[in-house]
Amino acid sequence: MPLPDRRHQPATYEDLLKVPDHLVAEIVDGELYATPRPAPRHADASSTLTGMLHGPFDRGRGGPGGWRILDEPELHLGQDILVPDLAGWRRERLPVLPEEAFFSLAPDWICEVLSASTAALDRVKKLRIYARERVPYAWLIDPMAQTLEVLRLDNAQWVIVSTCAGPDIVRLSPFDAIELDLTLLWEPPNLS
């Protein structure tokens, strides 16, 4: 939810730093947004997807490698400061992690896990910024609806490449080198 800006001036990084640590703070189109930390189903879907992609793509275990996959990186893209749930960079574009606590290089893939409080921001304002910065792929996961949408940037417009739901086992760009069992995103395994 946006915090009111009574000065009608664009929010600054200093404004963002004043937001309490228990909130995720972003500056989108000059407005400061502060949202609660993710709910358990949101956090579980995000963590599970990280686990599914990190070994094969970030570490090259059971997959082709060649990526850096990170949870909640802070992206400084022009005047905007965004925090996607996950982001990935091809290693040839990001051979070394930056020393700063943020990334100024736009990722090659982002994933936003949607919630009632963030869906409009993620789908509208943030996707527009990712397009402006030429992020080639975006995934939108809705753990409550059990859906995953794959978007590809084509001539500065998002095109839906794939929409998956429920218990699908899929291969999705840009990570189509391996199969993903979507059931794991919706239902944590029963280990009892």
N, C-alpha and C. Protein backbone atom coordinates (compact mmCIF):
# COMPACT_ATOMS: atom_id res chain seq x y z
N MET A 1 0.84 -1.17 0.00
CA MET A 1 0.00 0.00 0.00
C MET A 1 0.88 1.23 0.00
N PRO A 2 0.53 2.27 -0.77
CA PRO A 2 1.39 3.46 -0.80
C PRO A 2 1.25 4.23 0.50
N LEU A 3 2.37 4.79 0.92
CA LEU A 3 2.36 5.68 2.07
C LEU A 3 2.10 7.09 1.56
N PRO A 4 1.29 7.87 2.25
CA PRO A 4 0.99 9.21 1.74
C PRO A 4 2.23 10.08 1.69
N ASP A 5 2.36 10.82 0.62
CA ASP A 5 3.47 11.75 0.47
C ASP A 5 2.89 13.16 0.49
N ARG A 6 2.95 13.77 1.64
CA ARG A 6 2.32 15.07 1.84
C ARG A 6 3.08 16.21 1.15
N ARG A 7 4.33 15.97 0.76
CA ARG A 7 5.11 17.03 0.12
C ARG A 7 4.91 17.04 -1.39
N HIS A 8 4.33 15.99 -1.94
CA HIS A 8 4.13 15.85 -3.39
C HIS A 8 5.45 15.90 -4.14
N GLN A 9 6.50 15.40 -3.49
CA GLN A 9 7.80 15.25 -4.13
C GLN A 9 8.09 13.76 -4.23
N PRO A 10 8.86 13.38 -5.21
CA PRO A 10 9.19 11.96 -5.31
C PRO A 10 9.87 11.44 -4.04
N ALA A 11 9.54 10.23 -3.68
CA ALA A 11 10.17 9.60 -2.52
C ALA A 11 11.65 9.40 -2.81
N THR A 12 12.45 9.40 -1.78
CA THR A 12 13.90 9.24 -1.91
C THR A 12 14.34 7.95 -1.22
N TYR A 13 15.57 7.59 -1.45
CA TYR A 13 16.13 6.41 -0.78
C TYR A 13 16.14 6.62 0.73
N GLU A 14 16.37 7.83 1.16
CA GLU A 14 16.34 8.13 2.59
C GLU A 14 14.95 7.86 3.17
N ASP A 15 13.89 8.18 2.41
CA ASP A 15 12.53 7.86 2.85
C ASP A 15 12.37 6.35 2.99
N LEU A 16 12.89 5.60 2.02
CA LEU A 16 12.79 4.15 2.04
C LEU A 16 13.50 3.58 3.27
N LEU A 17 14.67 4.12 3.60
CA LEU A 17 15.43 3.61 4.74
C LEU A 17 14.72 3.84 6.07
N LYS A 18 13.78 4.77 6.13
CA LYS A 18 13.04 5.04 7.37
C LYS A 18 11.88 4.06 7.59
N VAL A 19 11.57 3.25 6.60
CA VAL A 19 10.48 2.29 6.74
C VAL A 19 10.94 1.18 7.69
N PRO A 20 10.10 0.78 8.65
CA PRO A 20 10.49 -0.28 9.59
C PRO A 20 10.88 -1.57 8.88
N ASP A 21 11.80 -2.31 9.48
CA ASP A 21 12.35 -3.52 8.88
C ASP A 21 11.33 -4.62 8.65
N HIS A 22 10.22 -4.60 9.36
CA HIS A 22 9.23 -5.67 9.18
C HIS A 22 8.36 -5.46 7.94
N LEU A 23 8.63 -4.40 7.18
CA LEU A 23 7.90 -4.13 5.94
C LEU A 23 8.87 -4.19 4.75
N VAL A 24 8.34 -4.52 3.58
CA VAL A 24 9.12 -4.47 2.34
C VAL A 24 8.85 -3.10 1.74
N ALA A 25 9.91 -2.32 1.52
CA ALA A 25 9.76 -0.96 1.01
C ALA A 25 10.27 -0.88 -0.42
N GLU A 26 9.50 -0.17 -1.26
CA GLU A 26 9.87 0.03 -2.66
C GLU A 26 9.48 1.44 -3.06
N ILE A 27 10.18 1.98 -4.04
CA ILE A 27 9.81 3.27 -4.64
C ILE A 27 9.44 2.98 -6.08
N VAL A 28 8.17 3.22 -6.39
CA VAL A 28 7.63 2.94 -7.72
C VAL A 28 6.99 4.21 -8.25
N ASP A 29 7.47 4.69 -9.38
CA ASP A 29 6.96 5.93 -9.98
C ASP A 29 6.99 7.09 -8.98
N GLY A 30 8.04 7.14 -8.17
CA GLY A 30 8.20 8.24 -7.22
C GLY A 30 7.41 8.09 -5.94
N GLU A 31 6.61 7.03 -5.82
CA GLU A 31 5.81 6.79 -4.63
C GLU A 31 6.44 5.72 -3.77
N LEU A 32 6.42 5.93 -2.47
CA LEU A 32 6.94 4.96 -1.52
C LEU A 32 5.83 3.97 -1.17
N TYR A 33 6.12 2.69 -1.38
CA TYR A 33 5.19 1.61 -1.02
C TYR A 33 5.83 0.80 0.10
N ALA A 34 5.04 0.47 1.10
CA ALA A 34 5.50 -0.39 2.18
C ALA A 34 4.44 -1.46 2.40
N THR A 35 4.85 -2.71 2.25
CA THR A 35 3.91 -3.81 2.38
C THR A 35 4.43 -4.78 3.44
N PRO A 36 3.51 -5.50 4.09
CA PRO A 36 3.94 -6.47 5.10
C PRO A 36 4.80 -7.56 4.47
N ARG A 37 5.61 -8.19 5.30
CA ARG A 37 6.38 -9.35 4.84
C ARG A 37 5.38 -10.37 4.29
N PRO A 38 5.80 -11.24 3.41
CA PRO A 38 4.89 -12.19 2.79
C PRO A 38 4.19 -13.11 3.80
N ALA A 39 2.93 -13.44 3.48
CA ALA A 39 2.17 -14.40 4.27
C ALA A 39 2.77 -15.80 4.07
N PRO A 40 2.46 -16.74 4.94
CA PRO A 40 3.09 -18.06 4.86
C PRO A 40 2.95 -18.76 3.50
N ARG A 41 1.77 -18.76 2.86
CA ARG A 41 1.63 -19.45 1.56
C ARG A 41 2.48 -18.75 0.49
N HIS A 42 2.54 -17.44 0.55
CA HIS A 42 3.36 -16.65 -0.37
C HIS A 42 4.84 -17.01 -0.17
N ALA A 43 5.29 -16.97 1.10
CA ALA A 43 6.69 -17.27 1.41
C ALA A 43 7.04 -18.70 1.04
N ASP A 44 6.10 -19.64 1.26
CA ASP A 44 6.35 -21.03 0.93
C ASP A 44 6.50 -21.22 -0.58
N ALA A 45 5.63 -20.60 -1.37
CA ALA A 45 5.72 -20.72 -2.83
C ALA A 45 7.03 -20.13 -3.34
N SER A 46 7.41 -18.97 -2.82
CA SER A 46 8.65 -18.32 -3.23
C SER A 46 9.87 -19.17 -2.85
N SER A 47 9.89 -19.65 -1.62
CA SER A 47 11.02 -20.47 -1.16
C SER A 47 11.11 -21.77 -1.94
N THR A 48 9.96 -22.39 -2.21
CA THR A 48 9.95 -23.64 -2.97
C THR A 48 10.49 -23.42 -4.37
N LEU A 49 10.05 -22.35 -5.04
CA LEU A 49 10.55 -22.08 -6.38
C LEU A 49 12.05 -21.82 -6.37
N THR A 50 12.52 -21.10 -5.37
CA THR A 50 13.97 -20.88 -5.25
C THR A 50 14.69 -22.23 -5.16
N GLY A 51 14.16 -23.13 -4.33
CA GLY A 51 14.78 -24.44 -4.20
C GLY A 51 14.78 -25.23 -5.50
N MET A 52 13.71 -25.10 -6.26
CA MET A 52 13.60 -25.84 -7.53
C MET A 52 14.59 -25.31 -8.57
N LEU A 53 14.84 -24.01 -8.57
CA LEU A 53 15.68 -23.40 -9.61
C LEU A 53 17.15 -23.25 -9.21
N HIS A 54 17.42 -23.05 -7.94
CA HIS A 54 18.76 -22.69 -7.51
C HIS A 54 19.81 -23.75 -7.85
N GLY A 55 19.56 -25.00 -7.49
CA GLY A 55 20.54 -26.05 -7.78
C GLY A 55 20.83 -26.21 -9.27
N PRO A 56 19.79 -26.44 -10.09
CA PRO A 56 20.04 -26.67 -11.51
C PRO A 56 20.58 -25.46 -12.27
N PHE A 57 20.13 -24.26 -11.91
CA PHE A 57 20.49 -23.09 -12.72
C PHE A 57 21.56 -22.22 -12.08
N ASP A 58 21.51 -22.02 -10.78
CA ASP A 58 22.53 -21.20 -10.13
C ASP A 58 23.80 -22.00 -9.89
N ARG A 59 23.65 -23.25 -9.50
CA ARG A 59 24.81 -24.07 -9.15
C ARG A 59 25.17 -25.12 -10.19
N GLY A 60 24.31 -25.33 -11.18
CA GLY A 60 24.59 -26.32 -12.21
C GLY A 60 24.44 -27.76 -11.74
N ARG A 61 23.69 -27.99 -10.66
CA ARG A 61 23.46 -29.35 -10.15
C ARG A 61 22.14 -29.87 -10.72
N GLY A 62 22.22 -30.82 -11.62
CA GLY A 62 21.03 -31.37 -12.25
C GLY A 62 20.45 -30.48 -13.33
N GLY A 63 21.22 -29.52 -13.77
CA GLY A 63 20.76 -28.60 -14.81
C GLY A 63 21.94 -27.90 -15.46
N PRO A 64 21.67 -26.94 -16.33
CA PRO A 64 22.72 -26.33 -17.13
C PRO A 64 23.56 -25.26 -16.43
N GLY A 65 23.13 -24.76 -15.26
CA GLY A 65 23.86 -23.66 -14.63
C GLY A 65 23.72 -22.39 -15.44
N GLY A 66 24.64 -21.45 -15.22
CA GLY A 66 24.69 -20.24 -16.01
C GLY A 66 23.84 -19.08 -15.50
N TRP A 67 23.25 -19.22 -14.31
CA TRP A 67 22.38 -18.18 -13.76
C TRP A 67 22.79 -17.83 -12.34
N ARG A 68 22.36 -16.66 -11.90
CA ARG A 68 22.36 -16.28 -10.49
C ARG A 68 20.90 -16.08 -10.12
N ILE A 69 20.40 -16.86 -9.18
CA ILE A 69 19.01 -16.78 -8.74
C ILE A 69 19.02 -16.27 -7.31
N LEU A 70 18.32 -15.18 -7.05
CA LEU A 70 18.33 -14.56 -5.72
C LEU A 70 16.93 -14.25 -5.22
N ASP A 71 16.74 -14.40 -3.91
CA ASP A 71 15.50 -14.02 -3.24
C ASP A 71 15.51 -12.54 -2.90
N GLU A 72 14.43 -11.87 -3.19
CA GLU A 72 14.17 -10.48 -2.80
C GLU A 72 15.36 -9.53 -2.97
N PRO A 73 15.98 -9.51 -4.15
CA PRO A 73 17.06 -8.55 -4.35
C PRO A 73 16.49 -7.13 -4.47
N GLU A 74 17.23 -6.17 -3.99
CA GLU A 74 16.83 -4.77 -4.14
C GLU A 74 17.39 -4.27 -5.48
N LEU A 75 16.48 -3.87 -6.36
CA LEU A 75 16.85 -3.40 -7.69
C LEU A 75 16.72 -1.88 -7.76
N HIS A 76 17.78 -1.20 -8.16
CA HIS A 76 17.75 0.24 -8.39
C HIS A 76 17.71 0.43 -9.90
N LEU A 77 16.52 0.69 -10.42
CA LEU A 77 16.30 0.81 -11.86
C LEU A 77 15.85 2.23 -12.15
N GLY A 78 16.78 3.07 -12.56
CA GLY A 78 16.47 4.49 -12.72
C GLY A 78 16.10 5.06 -11.36
N GLN A 79 14.97 5.76 -11.29
CA GLN A 79 14.51 6.33 -10.03
C GLN A 79 13.70 5.34 -9.20
N ASP A 80 13.43 4.18 -9.76
CA ASP A 80 12.60 3.18 -9.09
C ASP A 80 13.46 2.20 -8.31
N ILE A 81 12.94 1.80 -7.16
CA ILE A 81 13.60 0.79 -6.33
C ILE A 81 12.57 -0.31 -6.10
N LEU A 82 12.85 -1.47 -6.69
CA LEU A 82 11.91 -2.58 -6.65
C LEU A 82 12.53 -3.77 -5.92
N VAL A 83 11.67 -4.58 -5.32
CA VAL A 83 12.11 -5.80 -4.65
C VAL A 83 11.22 -6.95 -5.15
N PRO A 84 11.61 -7.61 -6.24
CA PRO A 84 10.83 -8.77 -6.69
C PRO A 84 11.03 -9.91 -5.71
N ASP A 85 10.10 -10.86 -5.72
CA ASP A 85 10.25 -12.01 -4.84
C ASP A 85 11.47 -12.84 -5.21
N LEU A 86 11.72 -13.01 -6.50
CA LEU A 86 12.93 -13.67 -6.99
C LEU A 86 13.38 -12.95 -8.24
N ALA A 87 14.66 -13.06 -8.50
CA ALA A 87 15.21 -12.51 -9.75
C ALA A 87 16.39 -13.37 -10.17
N GLY A 88 16.64 -13.38 -11.46
CA GLY A 88 17.77 -14.13 -11.99
C GLY A 88 18.50 -13.36 -13.06
N TRP A 89 19.81 -13.49 -13.03
CA TRP A 89 20.68 -12.88 -14.04
C TRP A 89 21.48 -13.99 -14.69
N ARG A 90 21.65 -13.92 -15.98
CA ARG A 90 22.57 -14.84 -16.65
C ARG A 90 23.98 -14.45 -16.20
N ARG A 91 24.77 -15.46 -15.90
CA ARG A 91 26.11 -15.20 -15.34
C ARG A 91 26.99 -14.39 -16.29
N GLU A 92 26.79 -14.53 -17.60
CA GLU A 92 27.62 -13.72 -18.50
C GLU A 92 27.32 -12.23 -18.35
N ARG A 93 26.11 -11.87 -17.89
CA ARG A 93 25.77 -10.47 -17.65
C ARG A 93 26.13 -10.02 -16.24
N LEU A 94 26.16 -10.95 -15.30
CA LEU A 94 26.48 -10.63 -13.91
C LEU A 94 27.50 -11.65 -13.39
N PRO A 95 28.76 -11.55 -13.88
CA PRO A 95 29.75 -12.56 -13.49
C PRO A 95 30.13 -12.48 -12.01
N VAL A 96 30.03 -11.28 -11.42
CA VAL A 96 30.41 -11.08 -10.03
C VAL A 96 29.28 -10.30 -9.34
N LEU A 97 28.98 -10.68 -8.12
CA LEU A 97 27.96 -9.95 -7.36
C LEU A 97 28.47 -8.55 -7.01
N PRO A 98 27.59 -7.57 -6.99
CA PRO A 98 28.03 -6.21 -6.66
C PRO A 98 28.42 -6.09 -5.19
N GLU A 99 29.24 -5.12 -4.89
CA GLU A 99 29.63 -4.84 -3.50
C GLU A 99 28.52 -4.10 -2.76
N GLU A 100 27.73 -3.30 -3.50
CA GLU A 100 26.63 -2.55 -2.89
C GLU A 100 25.54 -3.52 -2.42
N ALA A 101 24.62 -3.02 -1.63
CA ALA A 101 23.52 -3.84 -1.11
C ALA A 101 22.35 -3.87 -2.08
N PHE A 102 22.59 -3.51 -3.34
CA PHE A 102 21.53 -3.47 -4.34
C PHE A 102 22.12 -3.78 -5.70
N PHE A 103 21.23 -3.96 -6.67
CA PHE A 103 21.62 -4.25 -8.05
C PHE A 103 21.15 -3.11 -8.94
N SER A 104 22.03 -2.56 -9.74
CA SER A 104 21.62 -1.55 -10.71
C SER A 104 21.48 -2.15 -12.11
N LEU A 105 21.88 -3.39 -12.28
CA LEU A 105 21.73 -4.11 -13.54
C LEU A 105 20.38 -4.84 -13.51
N ALA A 106 19.53 -4.54 -14.47
CA ALA A 106 18.22 -5.21 -14.53
C ALA A 106 18.42 -6.71 -14.71
N PRO A 107 17.59 -7.53 -14.06
CA PRO A 107 17.73 -8.97 -14.21
C PRO A 107 17.24 -9.46 -15.57
N ASP A 108 17.49 -10.74 -15.85
CA ASP A 108 17.02 -11.39 -17.06
C ASP A 108 15.68 -12.08 -16.83
N TRP A 109 15.30 -12.21 -15.56
CA TRP A 109 14.04 -12.86 -15.19
C TRP A 109 13.64 -12.36 -13.81
N ILE A 110 12.36 -12.14 -13.64
CA ILE A 110 11.84 -11.82 -12.30
C ILE A 110 10.64 -12.72 -12.05
N CYS A 111 10.36 -12.91 -10.78
CA CYS A 111 9.17 -13.64 -10.37
C CYS A 111 8.52 -12.85 -9.24
N GLU A 112 7.25 -12.57 -9.41
CA GLU A 112 6.45 -11.93 -8.36
C GLU A 112 5.41 -12.94 -7.90
N VAL A 113 5.35 -13.18 -6.60
CA VAL A 113 4.33 -14.03 -6.02
C VAL A 113 3.22 -13.09 -5.56
N LEU A 114 2.06 -13.25 -6.17
CA LEU A 114 0.97 -12.30 -5.97
C LEU A 114 0.22 -12.55 -4.66
N SER A 115 -0.21 -11.47 -4.06
CA SER A 115 -1.10 -11.53 -2.90
C SER A 115 -2.16 -10.46 -3.11
N ALA A 116 -3.21 -10.50 -2.33
CA ALA A 116 -4.29 -9.52 -2.48
C ALA A 116 -3.76 -8.10 -2.33
N SER A 117 -2.80 -7.90 -1.44
CA SER A 117 -2.30 -6.55 -1.17
C SER A 117 -1.29 -6.06 -2.20
N THR A 118 -0.67 -6.97 -2.98
CA THR A 118 0.37 -6.54 -3.92
C THR A 118 0.07 -6.81 -5.38
N ALA A 119 -1.01 -7.53 -5.69
CA ALA A 119 -1.26 -7.96 -7.08
C ALA A 119 -1.33 -6.79 -8.05
N ALA A 120 -2.05 -5.74 -7.70
CA ALA A 120 -2.17 -4.60 -8.62
C ALA A 120 -0.82 -3.92 -8.84
N LEU A 121 -0.07 -3.72 -7.78
CA LEU A 121 1.26 -3.11 -7.90
C LEU A 121 2.17 -3.99 -8.76
N ASP A 122 2.20 -5.29 -8.47
CA ASP A 122 3.06 -6.21 -9.21
C ASP A 122 2.67 -6.30 -10.69
N ARG A 123 1.38 -6.42 -10.97
CA ARG A 123 0.89 -6.63 -12.34
C ARG A 123 0.93 -5.37 -13.20
N VAL A 124 0.74 -4.22 -12.59
CA VAL A 124 0.60 -3.01 -13.39
C VAL A 124 1.89 -2.18 -13.34
N LYS A 125 2.15 -1.58 -12.21
CA LYS A 125 3.28 -0.64 -12.14
C LYS A 125 4.64 -1.31 -12.26
N LYS A 126 4.84 -2.39 -11.52
CA LYS A 126 6.15 -3.02 -11.56
C LYS A 126 6.43 -3.69 -12.90
N LEU A 127 5.42 -4.36 -13.49
CA LEU A 127 5.65 -4.97 -14.81
C LEU A 127 6.00 -3.91 -15.86
N ARG A 128 5.40 -2.73 -15.76
CA ARG A 128 5.73 -1.66 -16.70
C ARG A 128 7.19 -1.25 -16.56
N ILE A 129 7.68 -1.18 -15.32
CA ILE A 129 9.09 -0.81 -15.08
C ILE A 129 10.01 -1.92 -15.59
N TYR A 130 9.66 -3.18 -15.32
CA TYR A 130 10.48 -4.28 -15.82
C TYR A 130 10.54 -4.25 -17.35
N ALA A 131 9.45 -3.91 -17.99
CA ALA A 131 9.45 -3.80 -19.46
C ALA A 131 10.35 -2.65 -19.90
N ARG A 132 10.23 -1.52 -19.23
CA ARG A 132 11.08 -0.37 -19.55
C ARG A 132 12.55 -0.73 -19.45
N GLU A 133 12.89 -1.55 -18.47
CA GLU A 133 14.29 -1.95 -18.25
C GLU A 133 14.70 -3.17 -19.07
N ARG A 134 13.79 -3.64 -19.92
CA ARG A 134 14.04 -4.75 -20.85
C ARG A 134 14.36 -6.08 -20.16
N VAL A 135 13.65 -6.36 -19.07
CA VAL A 135 13.75 -7.67 -18.43
C VAL A 135 13.03 -8.65 -19.37
N PRO A 136 13.72 -9.66 -19.89
CA PRO A 136 13.11 -10.51 -20.91
C PRO A 136 11.95 -11.39 -20.44
N TYR A 137 11.98 -11.87 -19.19
CA TYR A 137 10.96 -12.80 -18.70
C TYR A 137 10.44 -12.37 -17.34
N ALA A 138 9.14 -12.60 -17.14
CA ALA A 138 8.51 -12.37 -15.84
C ALA A 138 7.56 -13.54 -15.56
N TRP A 139 7.60 -14.03 -14.35
CA TRP A 139 6.66 -15.05 -13.90
C TRP A 139 5.79 -14.43 -12.82
N LEU A 140 4.51 -14.69 -12.88
CA LEU A 140 3.56 -14.25 -11.87
C LEU A 140 2.92 -15.49 -11.27
N ILE A 141 3.13 -15.69 -9.99
CA ILE A 141 2.59 -16.86 -9.28
C ILE A 141 1.50 -16.40 -8.34
N ASP A 142 0.37 -17.07 -8.38
CA ASP A 142 -0.72 -16.81 -7.44
C ASP A 142 -0.95 -18.10 -6.65
N PRO A 143 -0.39 -18.20 -5.44
CA PRO A 143 -0.51 -19.44 -4.68
C PRO A 143 -1.94 -19.76 -4.26
N MET A 144 -2.78 -18.76 -4.07
CA MET A 144 -4.17 -19.02 -3.68
C MET A 144 -4.97 -19.58 -4.86
N ALA A 145 -4.78 -19.02 -6.05
CA ALA A 145 -5.47 -19.51 -7.25
C ALA A 145 -4.74 -20.70 -7.88
N GLN A 146 -3.54 -20.99 -7.39
CA GLN A 146 -2.69 -22.06 -7.90
C GLN A 146 -2.42 -21.90 -9.39
N THR A 147 -1.96 -20.70 -9.76
CA THR A 147 -1.63 -20.42 -11.16
C THR A 147 -0.24 -19.83 -11.27
N LEU A 148 0.36 -20.06 -12.42
CA LEU A 148 1.65 -19.47 -12.76
C LEU A 148 1.54 -18.98 -14.20
N GLU A 149 1.85 -17.70 -14.41
CA GLU A 149 1.86 -17.11 -15.75
C GLU A 149 3.29 -16.80 -16.14
N VAL A 150 3.66 -17.16 -17.35
CA VAL A 150 4.98 -16.85 -17.89
C VAL A 150 4.79 -15.76 -18.94
N LEU A 151 5.48 -14.64 -18.75
CA LEU A 151 5.42 -13.52 -19.69
C LEU A 151 6.79 -13.34 -20.32
N ARG A 152 6.79 -13.00 -21.60
CA ARG A 152 8.03 -12.70 -22.32
C ARG A 152 7.90 -11.30 -22.91
N LEU A 153 8.96 -10.54 -22.83
CA LEU A 153 8.96 -9.20 -23.40
C LEU A 153 9.17 -9.29 -24.90
N ASP A 154 8.27 -8.67 -25.66
CA ASP A 154 8.33 -8.69 -27.11
C ASP A 154 8.01 -7.28 -27.60
N ASN A 155 9.02 -6.59 -28.15
CA ASN A 155 8.83 -5.21 -28.62
C ASN A 155 8.24 -4.32 -27.53
N ALA A 156 8.83 -4.39 -26.33
CA ALA A 156 8.46 -3.57 -25.17
C ALA A 156 7.06 -3.87 -24.63
N GLN A 157 6.46 -4.99 -25.06
CA GLN A 157 5.14 -5.41 -24.57
C GLN A 157 5.24 -6.81 -23.98
N TRP A 158 4.51 -7.05 -22.91
CA TRP A 158 4.47 -8.38 -22.32
C TRP A 158 3.52 -9.27 -23.11
N VAL A 159 4.00 -10.46 -23.44
CA VAL A 159 3.21 -11.46 -24.14
C VAL A 159 3.12 -12.68 -23.21
N ILE A 160 1.92 -13.20 -23.05
CA ILE A 160 1.76 -14.40 -22.23
C ILE A 160 2.24 -15.60 -23.04
N VAL A 161 3.26 -16.27 -22.52
CA VAL A 161 3.84 -17.44 -23.17
C VAL A 161 3.12 -18.70 -22.70
N SER A 162 2.79 -18.72 -21.41
CA SER A 162 2.19 -19.92 -20.85
C SER A 162 1.42 -19.55 -19.58
N THR A 163 0.32 -20.25 -19.38
CA THR A 163 -0.43 -20.14 -18.14
C THR A 163 -0.64 -21.56 -17.64
N CYS A 164 -0.21 -21.81 -16.42
CA CYS A 164 -0.28 -23.15 -15.84
C CYS A 164 -1.10 -23.10 -14.57
N ALA A 165 -1.68 -24.25 -14.21
CA ALA A 165 -2.50 -24.29 -13.01
C ALA A 165 -2.41 -25.65 -12.35
N GLY A 166 -2.72 -25.64 -11.06
CA GLY A 166 -2.86 -26.87 -10.30
C GLY A 166 -1.65 -27.78 -10.35
N PRO A 167 -1.88 -29.07 -10.64
CA PRO A 167 -0.82 -30.07 -10.53
C PRO A 167 0.03 -30.27 -11.78
N ASP A 168 0.11 -29.28 -12.64
CA ASP A 168 0.88 -29.44 -13.88
C ASP A 168 2.36 -29.71 -13.60
N ILE A 169 2.96 -30.50 -14.47
CA ILE A 169 4.41 -30.66 -14.53
C ILE A 169 4.81 -30.02 -15.84
N VAL A 170 5.67 -28.99 -15.75
CA VAL A 170 5.89 -28.11 -16.90
C VAL A 170 7.37 -27.83 -17.14
N ARG A 171 7.63 -27.33 -18.34
CA ARG A 171 8.92 -26.75 -18.70
C ARG A 171 8.62 -25.32 -19.12
N LEU A 172 9.20 -24.36 -18.41
CA LEU A 172 8.85 -22.96 -18.62
C LEU A 172 10.08 -22.12 -18.92
N SER A 173 9.96 -21.28 -19.94
CA SER A 173 11.04 -20.36 -20.31
C SER A 173 11.26 -19.34 -19.20
N PRO A 174 12.47 -18.99 -18.93
CA PRO A 174 13.72 -19.40 -19.55
C PRO A 174 14.37 -20.62 -18.90
N PHE A 175 13.62 -21.32 -18.04
CA PHE A 175 14.17 -22.46 -17.31
C PHE A 175 13.61 -23.78 -17.81
N ASP A 176 13.41 -23.88 -19.11
CA ASP A 176 12.77 -25.06 -19.69
C ASP A 176 13.71 -26.26 -19.84
N ALA A 177 14.93 -26.15 -19.34
CA ALA A 177 15.86 -27.28 -19.38
C ALA A 177 15.46 -28.37 -18.38
N ILE A 178 14.61 -28.03 -17.41
CA ILE A 178 14.17 -29.03 -16.43
C ILE A 178 12.64 -28.95 -16.29
N GLU A 179 12.07 -30.01 -15.77
CA GLU A 179 10.64 -30.03 -15.46
C GLU A 179 10.43 -29.48 -14.07
N LEU A 180 9.34 -28.75 -13.90
CA LEU A 180 8.94 -28.23 -12.59
C LEU A 180 7.59 -28.83 -12.22
N ASP A 181 7.50 -29.40 -11.04
CA ASP A 181 6.25 -29.94 -10.53
C ASP A 181 5.55 -28.84 -9.75
N LEU A 182 4.53 -28.24 -10.36
CA LEU A 182 3.85 -27.11 -9.74
C LEU A 182 3.11 -27.48 -8.46
N THR A 183 2.79 -28.75 -8.29
CA THR A 183 2.13 -29.18 -7.06
C THR A 183 2.94 -28.73 -5.84
N LEU A 184 4.26 -28.74 -5.97
CA LEU A 184 5.12 -28.36 -4.85
C LEU A 184 4.95 -26.89 -4.46
N LEU A 185 4.52 -26.05 -5.41
CA LEU A 185 4.30 -24.63 -5.08
C LEU A 185 3.03 -24.41 -4.28
N TRP A 186 2.07 -25.30 -4.43
CA TRP A 186 0.77 -25.09 -3.79
C TRP A 186 0.61 -25.88 -2.50
N GLU A 187 1.17 -27.08 -2.47
CA GLU A 187 0.95 -27.95 -1.33
C GLU A 187 2.27 -28.42 -0.77
N PRO A 188 2.64 -27.93 0.40
CA PRO A 188 3.87 -28.43 1.01
C PRO A 188 3.77 -29.95 1.23
N PRO A 189 4.86 -30.66 1.06
CA PRO A 189 4.81 -32.11 1.22
C PRO A 189 4.44 -32.49 2.65
N ASN A 190 3.68 -33.56 2.80
CA ASN A 190 3.31 -34.08 4.10
C ASN A 190 4.40 -35.07 4.50
N LEU A 191 5.22 -34.67 5.46
CA LEU A 191 6.37 -35.50 5.84
C LEU A 191 6.07 -36.38 7.04
N SER A 192 4.82 -36.42 7.50
CA SER A 192 4.53 -37.25 8.68
C SER A 192 4.25 -38.67 8.33
